[in-house]
Amino acid sequence: MSIENDEQFSCPYCAESNALVVDITGGANQTFVVDCEVCCAPIVVRLKIRGEEIISLDVRRENE
């Protein structure tokens, strides 16, 4: 069983592609902040996980 999934998303500030490694053992609903790999802006990441699958990945600006 893999405990990590690789996901890609676009930064809500600069629209550049970012990579994210998700630990699926962190719970069914996860919320955390990461910095954009390009512009360094803070991005709020919200995940919904079922089993070993990410069913929802939502990224937003920190102040939204």
N, C-alpha and C. Protein backbone atom coordinates (compact mmCIF):
# COMPACT_ATOMS: atom_id res chain seq x y z
N MET A 1 0.84 -1.19 0.00
CA MET A 1 0.00 0.00 0.00
C MET A 1 0.87 1.24 0.00
N SER A 2 0.68 2.10 -0.97
CA SER A 2 1.40 3.36 -1.05
C SER A 2 0.74 4.37 -0.11
N ILE A 3 1.55 5.07 0.68
CA ILE A 3 0.98 6.08 1.57
C ILE A 3 1.13 7.48 1.01
N GLU A 4 1.79 7.62 -0.15
CA GLU A 4 1.96 8.93 -0.76
C GLU A 4 1.47 8.92 -2.19
N ASN A 5 0.80 9.99 -2.57
CA ASN A 5 0.35 10.21 -3.95
C ASN A 5 0.95 11.51 -4.44
N ASP A 6 1.37 11.54 -5.70
CA ASP A 6 1.86 12.76 -6.32
C ASP A 6 0.72 13.43 -7.06
N GLU A 7 0.53 14.70 -6.82
CA GLU A 7 -0.53 15.48 -7.47
C GLU A 7 0.07 16.73 -8.09
N GLN A 8 -0.56 17.22 -9.14
CA GLN A 8 -0.18 18.47 -9.79
C GLN A 8 -1.35 19.45 -9.67
N PHE A 9 -1.02 20.74 -9.50
CA PHE A 9 -2.06 21.77 -9.47
C PHE A 9 -1.48 23.08 -9.95
N SER A 10 -2.33 23.99 -10.36
CA SER A 10 -1.91 25.32 -10.79
C SER A 10 -2.03 26.29 -9.63
N CYS A 11 -1.03 27.12 -9.49
CA CYS A 11 -1.03 28.15 -8.44
C CYS A 11 -2.18 29.13 -8.70
N PRO A 12 -2.98 29.46 -7.67
CA PRO A 12 -4.08 30.41 -7.85
C PRO A 12 -3.60 31.86 -7.99
N TYR A 13 -2.31 32.11 -7.75
CA TYR A 13 -1.75 33.46 -7.91
C TYR A 13 -1.12 33.64 -9.29
N CYS A 14 -0.16 32.76 -9.65
CA CYS A 14 0.61 32.95 -10.88
C CYS A 14 0.26 31.94 -11.97
N ALA A 15 -0.58 30.96 -11.68
CA ALA A 15 -1.05 29.93 -12.62
C ALA A 15 0.01 28.93 -13.06
N GLU A 16 1.19 28.96 -12.45
CA GLU A 16 2.23 28.00 -12.79
C GLU A 16 1.93 26.64 -12.14
N SER A 17 2.41 25.59 -12.78
CA SER A 17 2.20 24.24 -12.29
C SER A 17 3.06 23.98 -11.05
N ASN A 18 2.50 23.29 -10.07
CA ASN A 18 3.18 22.92 -8.84
C ASN A 18 2.97 21.44 -8.59
N ALA A 19 3.93 20.82 -7.93
CA ALA A 19 3.82 19.41 -7.55
C ALA A 19 3.56 19.32 -6.06
N LEU A 20 2.81 18.31 -5.67
CA LEU A 20 2.46 18.11 -4.28
C LEU A 20 2.50 16.63 -3.97
N VAL A 21 3.21 16.27 -2.91
CA VAL A 21 3.21 14.88 -2.44
C VAL A 21 2.27 14.82 -1.26
N VAL A 22 1.25 13.97 -1.35
CA VAL A 22 0.20 13.88 -0.34
C VAL A 22 0.35 12.59 0.45
N ASP A 23 0.39 12.70 1.77
CA ASP A 23 0.38 11.54 2.65
C ASP A 23 -1.08 11.17 2.90
N ILE A 24 -1.55 10.11 2.28
CA ILE A 24 -2.97 9.75 2.37
C ILE A 24 -3.34 9.18 3.73
N THR A 25 -2.35 8.90 4.59
CA THR A 25 -2.65 8.42 5.94
C THR A 25 -2.96 9.57 6.89
N GLY A 26 -2.91 10.82 6.39
CA GLY A 26 -3.14 11.99 7.22
C GLY A 26 -4.60 12.28 7.52
N GLY A 27 -5.50 11.44 7.05
CA GLY A 27 -6.91 11.63 7.33
C GLY A 27 -7.72 11.81 6.06
N ALA A 28 -9.04 11.64 6.19
CA ALA A 28 -9.94 11.73 5.05
C ALA A 28 -10.12 13.15 4.57
N ASN A 29 -10.03 14.13 5.46
CA ASN A 29 -10.14 15.55 5.11
C ASN A 29 -8.90 16.24 5.63
N GLN A 30 -8.13 16.82 4.72
CA GLN A 30 -6.89 17.49 5.11
C GLN A 30 -6.90 18.92 4.59
N THR A 31 -6.40 19.84 5.40
CA THR A 31 -6.23 21.23 5.00
C THR A 31 -4.86 21.68 5.49
N PHE A 32 -4.09 22.26 4.59
CA PHE A 32 -2.76 22.76 4.95
C PHE A 32 -2.35 23.84 3.97
N VAL A 33 -1.27 24.55 4.31
CA VAL A 33 -0.76 25.64 3.48
C VAL A 33 0.60 25.24 2.93
N VAL A 34 0.79 25.47 1.62
CA VAL A 34 2.08 25.28 0.97
C VAL A 34 2.43 26.56 0.23
N ASP A 35 3.71 26.79 -0.02
CA ASP A 35 4.13 27.94 -0.80
C ASP A 35 4.29 27.53 -2.26
N CYS A 36 3.89 28.39 -3.17
CA CYS A 36 4.06 28.15 -4.59
C CYS A 36 5.55 27.97 -4.89
N GLU A 37 5.87 26.98 -5.71
CA GLU A 37 7.26 26.71 -6.07
C GLU A 37 7.85 27.80 -6.95
N VAL A 38 7.00 28.63 -7.58
CA VAL A 38 7.46 29.66 -8.50
C VAL A 38 7.43 31.05 -7.85
N CYS A 39 6.25 31.47 -7.37
CA CYS A 39 6.10 32.84 -6.86
C CYS A 39 6.16 32.92 -5.32
N CYS A 40 6.22 31.79 -4.65
CA CYS A 40 6.34 31.70 -3.19
C CYS A 40 5.11 32.18 -2.41
N ALA A 41 3.99 32.41 -3.07
CA ALA A 41 2.77 32.84 -2.39
C ALA A 41 2.17 31.66 -1.61
N PRO A 42 1.51 31.94 -0.48
CA PRO A 42 0.90 30.87 0.32
C PRO A 42 -0.40 30.37 -0.31
N ILE A 43 -0.50 29.05 -0.44
CA ILE A 43 -1.66 28.42 -1.07
C ILE A 43 -2.31 27.48 -0.06
N VAL A 44 -3.62 27.64 0.14
CA VAL A 44 -4.37 26.75 1.01
C VAL A 44 -4.81 25.54 0.18
N VAL A 45 -4.44 24.36 0.64
CA VAL A 45 -4.78 23.11 -0.05
C VAL A 45 -5.80 22.36 0.80
N ARG A 46 -6.90 21.95 0.17
CA ARG A 46 -7.93 21.15 0.86
C ARG A 46 -8.08 19.85 0.09
N LEU A 47 -7.99 18.74 0.80
CA LEU A 47 -8.09 17.42 0.18
C LEU A 47 -9.19 16.60 0.81
N LYS A 48 -9.83 15.79 0.00
CA LYS A 48 -10.75 14.75 0.49
C LYS A 48 -10.21 13.44 -0.05
N ILE A 49 -10.02 12.49 0.86
CA ILE A 49 -9.41 11.21 0.51
C ILE A 49 -10.35 10.09 0.91
N ARG A 50 -10.48 9.12 -0.01
CA ARG A 50 -11.28 7.92 0.28
C ARG A 50 -10.40 6.73 -0.02
N GLY A 51 -10.11 5.94 1.01
CA GLY A 51 -9.21 4.80 0.83
C GLY A 51 -7.83 5.29 0.46
N GLU A 52 -7.34 4.86 -0.70
CA GLU A 52 -6.04 5.29 -1.20
C GLU A 52 -6.16 6.30 -2.33
N GLU A 53 -7.35 6.87 -2.51
CA GLU A 53 -7.60 7.76 -3.64
C GLU A 53 -7.96 9.16 -3.18
N ILE A 54 -7.36 10.16 -3.82
CA ILE A 54 -7.72 11.55 -3.59
C ILE A 54 -8.93 11.85 -4.46
N ILE A 55 -10.06 12.14 -3.82
CA ILE A 55 -11.29 12.37 -4.59
C ILE A 55 -11.54 13.85 -4.85
N SER A 56 -10.87 14.73 -4.08
CA SER A 56 -11.05 16.17 -4.29
C SER A 56 -9.77 16.89 -3.87
N LEU A 57 -9.29 17.77 -4.74
CA LEU A 57 -8.14 18.61 -4.47
C LEU A 57 -8.55 20.04 -4.82
N ASP A 58 -8.58 20.91 -3.82
CA ASP A 58 -8.98 22.31 -4.00
C ASP A 58 -7.86 23.19 -3.52
N VAL A 59 -7.42 24.14 -4.36
CA VAL A 59 -6.39 25.10 -3.97
C VAL A 59 -6.95 26.51 -4.09
N ARG A 60 -6.63 27.34 -3.12
CA ARG A 60 -7.12 28.72 -3.08
C ARG A 60 -6.05 29.65 -2.55
N ARG A 61 -6.24 30.93 -2.83
CA ARG A 61 -5.38 31.95 -2.22
C ARG A 61 -5.61 31.92 -0.71
N GLU A 62 -4.60 32.31 0.03
CA GLU A 62 -4.70 32.26 1.49
C GLU A 62 -5.82 33.11 2.05
N ASN A 63 -6.14 34.24 1.44
CA ASN A 63 -7.15 35.14 2.00
C ASN A 63 -8.55 34.93 1.43
N GLU A 64 -8.78 33.85 0.70
CA GLU A 64 -10.13 33.58 0.14
C GLU A 64 -10.98 32.83 1.14
